[in-house]
Amino acid sequence: MAKKLGMGLSALLGEDEADFGELEHGEATKTVAVGHLHPGKFQPRHAFDDEALKGLADSIGTKGVLQPLLVRPHPTQMGEFEIIAGERRWRAAQLAQVHQVPVIVREFNDLETLEVALIENLQRQDLSPLEEADGYQRLMDEFSHTQDALAKALGKSRSHVANMLRLLTLPEPVRALLDDGSLSAGHARALVGCDAAVALANQVVKQGLNVRQTEKLVKSAGADTGAAPSKPAPSKPAKDADTLALETDLANILGLKVDIRDAGGRGQVVIHYESLEQLDGVLARLTHGQSGA
């Protein structure tokens, strides 16, 4: 995991891969009393499973903390440390009444601390779907990373990143059901964009429907709205290779889907965004490009 984390950070932070690779070898490891460690203010996890913590505590009580925590000097408390990665191990060590834990101290600033904490948790795959989606959104908003850059650095497909981000558009009651485990990410994705998402989500939970049944339910709800069946859309002429290549180039620059509609030299460039933050990012790039002209 450490090597994978290093590669991801190397790609995102623009650092030499070997610098982060030192984490694998435990360089600069020291022992610190648990009372001198403090939870990181950039911790992306909102909840820690009590049963899982108890199991980890039992293991630590027997074998000790095998993997050092990653920390930085506390920004306001002299002689204290802020946890960047490993808060779960710190909590479990306290349950096991272990008084000292191994740490690796790094001089990260706030931006690097946030980025490392997010990526470490994302690559450990122990975040909830909404925590994962929120982590992606924060990396995009606060570091101007595109979906494509995130996908490559984290070893995930771009479609996975995009689908997780869509969960943030769900109504709050549906997000609550997803957060407490009543709905899976697959259920939630089926409800994205549905006007009756809250009512359908409650029905899915009550009836114990699987993802495929949820997709059929959403489709049926759309058909039952009483709207007249729409006429089949006229077939669109195939785009030429140059237009498709230009769409791809623009999408890679913006990190968003781009649709070019050309009709004899006249047309439109449509940029698809899923949140106001993404729109702000596009405007910022356009403004920056104009000022640098």
Protein backbone atom coordinates (compact mmCIF):
# COMPACT_ATOMS: atom_id res chain seq x y z
CA MET A 1 0.00 0.00 0.00
CA ALA A 2 2.81 2.40 0.83
CA LYS A 3 4.33 2.06 -2.62
CA LYS A 4 0.98 2.64 -4.27
CA LEU A 5 0.38 5.65 -2.05
CA GLY A 6 3.80 7.04 -2.95
CA MET A 7 3.11 6.65 -6.66
CA GLY A 8 -0.22 8.43 -6.34
CA LEU A 9 1.24 11.30 -4.36
CA SER A 10 4.15 11.53 -6.75
CA ALA A 11 1.77 11.95 -9.66
CA LEU A 12 -0.41 14.52 -7.92
CA LEU A 13 2.15 16.54 -5.99
CA GLY A 14 4.74 16.54 -8.76
CA GLU A 15 7.45 15.13 -6.47
CA ASP A 16 10.18 12.64 -7.16
CA GLU A 17 8.71 9.18 -6.58
CA ALA A 18 11.73 8.14 -4.53
CA ASP A 19 10.98 10.84 -1.94
CA PHE A 20 7.68 9.23 -0.97
CA GLY A 21 9.08 5.75 -1.49
CA GLU A 22 11.11 6.26 1.72
CA LEU A 23 7.88 5.61 3.63
CA GLU A 24 8.21 1.94 2.71
CA HIS A 25 11.52 1.62 4.49
CA GLY A 26 10.42 3.30 7.71
CA GLU A 27 13.01 6.07 7.47
CA ALA A 28 12.87 8.64 10.28
CA THR A 29 10.72 6.33 12.44
CA LYS A 30 10.47 7.35 16.09
CA THR A 31 8.33 6.34 19.08
CA VAL A 32 5.84 8.88 20.44
CA ALA A 33 3.45 8.73 23.40
CA VAL A 34 -0.17 8.49 22.26
CA GLY A 35 -0.97 11.51 24.42
CA HIS A 36 1.27 13.68 22.23
CA LEU A 37 -0.65 12.76 19.06
CA HIS A 38 -3.76 14.59 17.89
CA PRO A 39 -6.34 13.75 15.18
CA GLY A 40 -5.72 15.53 11.89
CA LYS A 41 -8.06 18.39 11.03
CA PHE A 42 -8.06 17.16 7.42
CA GLN A 43 -9.22 13.60 8.26
CA PRO A 44 -11.73 12.64 5.51
CA ARG A 45 -13.34 9.83 7.52
CA HIS A 46 -16.45 10.86 9.44
CA ALA A 47 -17.01 7.64 11.38
CA PHE A 48 -14.94 4.80 12.79
CA ASP A 49 -16.55 1.38 13.11
CA ASP A 50 -16.48 0.36 16.79
CA GLU A 51 -16.35 -3.38 16.10
CA ALA A 52 -13.50 -3.00 13.60
CA LEU A 53 -11.61 -0.81 16.07
CA LYS A 54 -12.04 -3.45 18.77
CA GLY A 55 -10.65 -6.12 16.45
CA LEU A 56 -7.66 -3.93 15.59
CA ALA A 57 -7.13 -3.16 19.28
CA ASP A 58 -7.01 -6.89 20.07
CA SER A 59 -4.37 -7.34 17.37
CA ILE A 60 -2.33 -4.37 18.62
CA GLY A 61 -2.55 -5.67 22.18
CA THR A 62 -0.93 -8.91 21.00
CA LYS A 63 1.51 -7.78 18.32
CA GLY A 64 1.82 -4.03 18.80
CA VAL A 65 1.44 -1.34 16.12
CA LEU A 66 3.21 -2.87 13.11
CA GLN A 67 2.82 0.04 10.67
CA PRO A 68 4.01 3.53 11.73
CA LEU A 69 1.61 6.45 11.71
CA LEU A 70 2.41 9.34 9.39
CA VAL A 71 2.46 12.62 11.34
CA ARG A 72 3.69 16.19 11.14
CA PRO A 73 4.73 18.60 13.90
CA HIS A 74 1.56 20.14 15.32
CA PRO A 75 1.09 23.59 13.76
CA THR A 76 0.14 25.27 17.07
CA GLN A 77 1.28 23.01 19.94
CA MET A 78 5.03 22.76 20.50
CA GLY A 79 6.31 19.23 20.97
CA GLU A 80 3.01 17.68 19.84
CA PHE A 81 2.16 15.97 16.55
CA GLU A 82 -0.84 15.98 14.19
CA ILE A 83 -1.85 12.68 12.58
CA ILE A 84 -1.89 12.71 8.78
CA ALA A 85 -2.48 8.99 8.20
CA GLY A 86 -3.15 6.32 10.82
CA GLU A 87 -5.79 7.78 13.14
CA ARG A 88 -7.56 4.41 13.25
CA ARG A 89 -4.37 2.75 14.57
CA TRP A 90 -3.98 5.55 17.14
CA ARG A 91 -7.55 5.06 18.39
CA ALA A 92 -7.12 1.27 18.54
CA ALA A 93 -3.81 1.64 20.42
CA GLN A 94 -5.60 3.62 23.12
CA LEU A 95 -8.28 0.92 23.40
CA ALA A 96 -5.49 -1.64 23.78
CA GLN A 97 -3.86 0.58 26.44
CA VAL A 98 -0.67 0.82 24.40
CA HIS A 99 1.05 4.01 25.51
CA GLN A 100 3.54 4.56 22.68
CA VAL A 101 3.32 4.08 18.91
CA PRO A 102 5.84 4.29 16.05
CA VAL A 103 5.53 7.34 13.78
CA ILE A 104 7.16 8.84 10.71
CA VAL A 105 7.48 12.62 10.97
CA ARG A 106 7.16 14.69 7.81
CA GLU A 107 7.19 18.46 7.33
CA PHE A 108 3.97 18.75 5.31
CA ASN A 109 2.11 22.04 4.88
CA ASP A 110 -1.69 22.22 5.11
CA LEU A 111 -2.30 21.54 1.42
CA GLU A 112 0.03 18.54 1.35
CA THR A 113 -1.49 17.24 4.59
CA LEU A 114 -5.03 17.36 3.18
CA GLU A 115 -3.97 15.68 -0.03
CA VAL A 116 -2.01 12.90 1.67
CA ALA A 117 -4.86 12.20 4.12
CA LEU A 118 -7.42 11.97 1.32
CA ILE A 119 -5.35 9.78 -0.95
CA GLU A 120 -4.23 7.46 1.84
CA ASN A 121 -7.83 6.81 2.83
CA LEU A 122 -9.06 6.51 -0.75
CA GLN A 123 -6.42 3.93 -1.62
CA ARG A 124 -7.06 1.93 1.56
CA GLN A 125 -10.69 1.61 0.36
CA ASP A 126 -12.06 2.00 3.88
CA LEU A 127 -14.14 5.11 3.24
CA SER A 128 -17.89 5.06 2.81
CA PRO A 129 -19.16 5.86 -0.73
CA LEU A 130 -20.05 9.43 0.28
CA GLU A 131 -16.71 9.96 2.05
CA GLU A 132 -14.97 8.71 -1.08
CA ALA A 133 -17.03 11.02 -3.31
CA ASP A 134 -16.39 13.94 -1.00
CA GLY A 135 -12.68 13.15 -1.07
CA TYR A 136 -12.65 13.27 -4.87
CA GLN A 137 -14.57 16.55 -4.87
CA ARG A 138 -12.20 18.14 -2.35
CA LEU A 139 -9.16 17.10 -4.37
CA MET A 140 -10.74 18.67 -7.46
CA ASP A 141 -11.92 21.84 -5.71
CA GLU A 142 -8.89 22.55 -3.56
CA PHE A 143 -6.11 21.32 -5.85
CA SER A 144 -7.63 21.81 -9.32
CA HIS A 145 -7.18 18.12 -10.17
CA THR A 146 -9.19 16.83 -13.11
CA GLN A 147 -11.16 13.60 -12.97
CA ASP A 148 -8.66 12.07 -15.40
CA ALA A 149 -5.65 13.03 -13.24
CA LEU A 150 -7.30 11.64 -10.11
CA ALA A 151 -8.21 8.38 -11.82
CA LYS A 152 -4.64 7.84 -13.03
CA ALA A 153 -3.02 8.76 -9.70
CA LEU A 154 -5.38 6.57 -7.66
CA GLY A 155 -5.38 3.61 -10.04
CA LYS A 156 -9.12 3.89 -10.69
CA SER A 157 -11.09 4.33 -13.90
CA ARG A 158 -12.30 7.78 -14.82
CA SER A 159 -15.87 6.44 -15.02
CA HIS A 160 -15.58 5.24 -11.40
CA VAL A 161 -14.52 8.71 -10.24
CA ALA A 162 -17.32 10.34 -12.25
CA ASN A 163 -19.95 7.91 -10.93
CA MET A 164 -18.89 8.46 -7.33
CA LEU A 165 -19.05 12.24 -7.75
CA ARG A 166 -22.64 11.91 -8.99
CA LEU A 167 -23.63 10.60 -5.54
CA LEU A 168 -23.10 14.10 -4.15
CA THR A 169 -26.07 15.34 -6.21
CA LEU A 170 -28.53 13.06 -4.36
CA PRO A 171 -31.06 14.60 -1.92
CA GLU A 172 -29.93 14.65 1.71
CA PRO A 173 -32.39 11.90 2.89
CA VAL A 174 -31.02 9.54 0.22
CA ARG A 175 -27.43 10.38 1.15
CA ALA A 176 -28.28 9.59 4.78
CA LEU A 177 -29.52 6.11 3.77
CA LEU A 178 -26.33 5.60 1.77
CA ASP A 179 -24.16 6.79 4.64
CA ASP A 180 -25.70 4.42 7.19
CA GLY A 181 -25.45 1.45 4.83
CA SER A 182 -29.17 1.07 4.11
CA LEU A 183 -28.40 1.70 0.43
CA SER A 184 -25.35 0.60 -1.52
CA ALA A 185 -23.51 2.82 -3.99
CA GLY A 186 -25.16 0.82 -6.80
CA HIS A 187 -28.63 1.56 -5.43
CA ALA A 188 -27.77 5.23 -5.02
CA ARG A 189 -26.41 5.61 -8.56
CA ALA A 190 -29.68 4.27 -9.93
CA LEU A 191 -31.51 7.06 -8.08
CA VAL A 192 -29.33 9.93 -9.29
CA GLY A 193 -31.37 12.45 -11.27
CA CYS A 194 -34.71 10.89 -10.31
CA ASP A 195 -37.36 13.41 -9.20
CA ALA A 196 -38.86 10.91 -6.73
CA ALA A 197 -35.49 9.76 -5.40
CA VAL A 198 -36.43 10.06 -1.71
CA ALA A 199 -39.69 8.11 -1.98
CA LEU A 200 -38.12 5.45 -4.17
CA ALA A 201 -35.12 5.10 -1.84
CA ASN A 202 -37.43 4.45 1.10
CA GLN A 203 -39.32 1.89 -0.98
CA VAL A 204 -36.06 0.16 -1.94
CA VAL A 205 -35.02 -0.10 1.71
CA LYS A 206 -38.47 -1.25 2.90
CA GLN A 207 -38.76 -3.97 0.24
CA GLY A 208 -35.09 -4.97 0.28
CA LEU A 209 -34.70 -4.54 -3.48
CA ASN A 210 -31.42 -5.32 -5.19
CA VAL A 211 -29.70 -2.94 -7.61
CA ARG A 212 -31.29 -4.41 -10.74
CA GLN A 213 -34.75 -4.22 -9.18
CA THR A 214 -34.04 -0.62 -8.15
CA GLU A 215 -33.11 0.30 -11.72
CA LYS A 216 -36.39 -1.20 -12.95
CA LEU A 217 -38.31 0.67 -10.24
CA VAL A 218 -36.77 3.99 -11.27
CA LYS A 219 -37.53 3.30 -14.93
CA SER A 220 -41.11 2.36 -14.07
CA ALA A 221 -41.55 5.51 -11.98
CA GLY A 222 -40.48 7.60 -14.95
CA ALA A 223 -42.99 5.83 -17.18
CA ASP A 224 -45.80 6.36 -14.64
CA THR A 225 -45.54 10.15 -14.57
CA GLY A 226 -48.25 10.44 -17.23
CA ALA A 227 -46.04 12.26 -19.69
CA ALA A 228 -46.72 11.56 -23.31
CA PRO A 229 -44.21 9.21 -24.85
CA SER A 230 -41.50 11.21 -26.52
CA LYS A 231 -40.86 10.84 -30.20
CA PRO A 232 -37.69 9.04 -31.13
CA ALA A 233 -34.88 11.52 -31.56
CA PRO A 234 -33.71 11.96 -35.12
CA SER A 235 -30.47 10.19 -35.81
CA LYS A 236 -27.45 12.45 -35.52
CA PRO A 237 -24.85 12.53 -38.26
CA ALA A 238 -21.60 10.88 -37.24
CA LYS A 239 -18.89 13.32 -36.14
CA ASP A 240 -15.69 13.41 -38.14
CA ALA A 241 -12.36 12.37 -36.63
CA ASP A 242 -11.12 15.95 -36.22
CA THR A 243 -14.18 16.96 -34.19
CA LEU A 244 -13.90 13.88 -31.97
CA ALA A 245 -10.20 14.55 -31.39
CA LEU A 246 -10.93 18.16 -30.46
CA GLU A 247 -13.63 17.03 -28.01
CA THR A 248 -11.13 14.67 -26.39
CA ASP A 249 -8.46 17.39 -26.11
CA LEU A 250 -10.88 19.84 -24.49
CA ALA A 251 -12.23 17.17 -22.13
CA ASN A 252 -8.69 16.32 -20.98
CA ILE A 253 -7.93 19.98 -20.33
CA LEU A 254 -11.14 20.68 -18.42
CA GLY A 255 -11.66 17.28 -16.81
CA LEU A 256 -15.30 17.36 -17.96
CA LYS A 257 -17.30 15.97 -20.86
CA VAL A 258 -17.28 18.28 -23.90
CA ASP A 259 -19.71 18.06 -26.82
CA ILE A 260 -18.98 19.94 -30.06
CA ARG A 261 -22.00 20.43 -32.32
CA ASP A 262 -20.88 21.60 -35.73
CA ALA A 263 -23.08 22.40 -38.70
CA GLY A 264 -21.09 23.62 -41.66
CA GLY A 265 -18.62 25.70 -39.65
CA ARG A 266 -21.22 27.05 -37.21
CA GLY A 267 -22.29 25.38 -33.99
CA GLN A 268 -21.87 25.08 -30.24
CA VAL A 269 -19.36 23.85 -27.67
CA VAL A 270 -21.25 22.29 -24.74
CA ILE A 271 -19.40 21.66 -21.46
CA HIS A 272 -21.16 19.21 -19.12
CA TYR A 273 -20.75 19.88 -15.39
CA GLU A 274 -22.34 18.24 -12.34
CA SER A 275 -21.87 20.91 -9.69
CA LEU A 276 -21.40 24.65 -9.32
CA GLU A 277 -17.87 23.96 -8.10
CA GLN A 278 -17.02 22.29 -11.41
CA LEU A 279 -18.52 25.25 -13.29
CA ASP A 280 -16.43 27.63 -11.17
CA GLY A 281 -13.37 25.60 -12.10
CA VAL A 282 -14.12 25.99 -15.82
CA LEU A 283 -14.63 29.75 -15.44
CA ALA A 284 -11.39 30.03 -13.47
CA ARG A 285 -9.47 28.26 -16.23
CA LEU A 286 -11.02 30.45 -18.92
CA THR A 287 -10.32 33.62 -16.92
CA HIS A 288 -6.74 32.54 -16.25
CA GLY A 289 -6.20 31.80 -19.93
CA GLN A 290 -7.54 35.21 -20.89
CA SER A 291 -5.36 37.09 -18.39
CA GLY A 292 -2.29 35.23 -19.57
CA ALA A 293 -2.92 36.06 -23.23
